[in-house]
Amino acid sequence: MLKVKDLRAMTIDELNAKLIEKKKEQFNLRVQQSTGQLQNSAVIRNVRREIAKINTLIAERKKNS
């Protein structure tokens, strides 16, 4: 799980890269879930929350600059 403190230390480019990484992870988890391979469905919720945290920080940075 990503910490907000760690995310705040990143630049916008790093946040965008992390966002793309998490969206790919989310897609892979959805595919696993649909094929019945996913054991722990709570992982999907955690990834969604991490994506939301990253999006929030990106919006804050764009608003402040």
Protein backbone atom coordinates (compact mmCIF):
# COMPACT_ATOMS: atom_id res chain seq x y z
CA MET A 1 0.00 0.00 0.00
CA LEU A 2 1.33 3.39 -0.97
CA LYS A 3 1.77 6.04 1.68
CA VAL A 4 0.66 9.59 0.91
CA LYS A 5 3.92 10.86 2.37
CA ASP A 6 5.88 8.88 -0.22
CA LEU A 7 3.60 10.04 -3.03
CA ARG A 8 3.97 13.70 -2.05
CA ALA A 9 7.75 13.37 -2.46
CA MET A 10 7.31 12.40 -6.12
CA THR A 11 7.25 14.77 -9.07
CA ILE A 12 4.25 15.04 -11.39
CA ASP A 13 6.02 12.91 -14.01
CA GLU A 14 6.72 10.20 -11.43
CA LEU A 15 3.09 10.35 -10.27
CA ASN A 16 1.86 9.97 -13.84
CA ALA A 17 4.15 6.97 -14.34
CA LYS A 18 2.91 5.41 -11.08
CA LEU A 19 -0.69 6.06 -12.18
CA ILE A 20 -0.15 4.21 -15.45
CA GLU A 21 1.48 1.35 -13.56
CA LYS A 22 -1.46 1.08 -11.14
CA LYS A 23 -4.03 1.21 -13.95
CA LYS A 24 -2.25 -1.68 -15.69
CA GLU A 25 -2.24 -3.57 -12.40
CA GLN A 26 -5.96 -2.89 -12.00
CA PHE A 27 -6.65 -4.20 -15.50
CA ASN A 28 -4.65 -7.37 -14.84
CA LEU A 29 -6.51 -7.94 -11.57
CA ARG A 30 -9.88 -7.53 -13.31
CA VAL A 31 -8.85 -10.08 -15.93
CA GLN A 32 -7.75 -12.49 -13.20
CA GLN A 33 -11.05 -12.00 -11.39
CA SER A 34 -13.12 -12.64 -14.50
CA THR A 35 -11.23 -15.87 -15.24
CA GLY A 36 -11.51 -17.03 -11.63
CA GLN A 37 -7.78 -16.90 -10.91
CA LEU A 38 -7.89 -14.10 -8.32
CA GLN A 39 -7.72 -15.44 -4.77
CA ASN A 40 -8.01 -12.18 -2.79
CA SER A 41 -10.53 -9.73 -4.24
CA ALA A 42 -9.64 -7.06 -1.65
CA VAL A 43 -6.52 -6.29 -3.70
CA ILE A 44 -8.72 -4.64 -6.33
CA ARG A 45 -10.11 -2.22 -3.74
CA ASN A 46 -6.61 -1.31 -2.55
CA VAL A 47 -5.43 -0.60 -6.10
CA ARG A 48 -8.51 1.57 -6.74
CA ARG A 49 -7.77 3.58 -3.62
CA GLU A 50 -4.12 4.03 -4.61
CA ILE A 51 -5.25 5.30 -8.02
CA ALA A 52 -7.57 7.77 -6.27
CA LYS A 53 -4.73 9.00 -4.03
CA ILE A 54 -2.48 9.57 -7.02
CA ASN A 55 -5.22 11.37 -8.95
CA THR A 56 -5.92 13.60 -5.95
CA LEU A 57 -2.26 14.59 -5.63
CA ILE A 58 -1.99 15.31 -9.36
CA ALA A 59 -5.08 17.53 -9.17
CA GLU A 60 -3.66 19.37 -6.14
CA ARG A 61 -0.39 20.02 -7.91
CA LYS A 62 -2.12 21.30 -11.05
CA LYS A 63 -4.36 23.56 -8.99
CA ASN A 64 -1.44 25.05 -7.03
CA SER A 65 0.81 25.66 -10.02
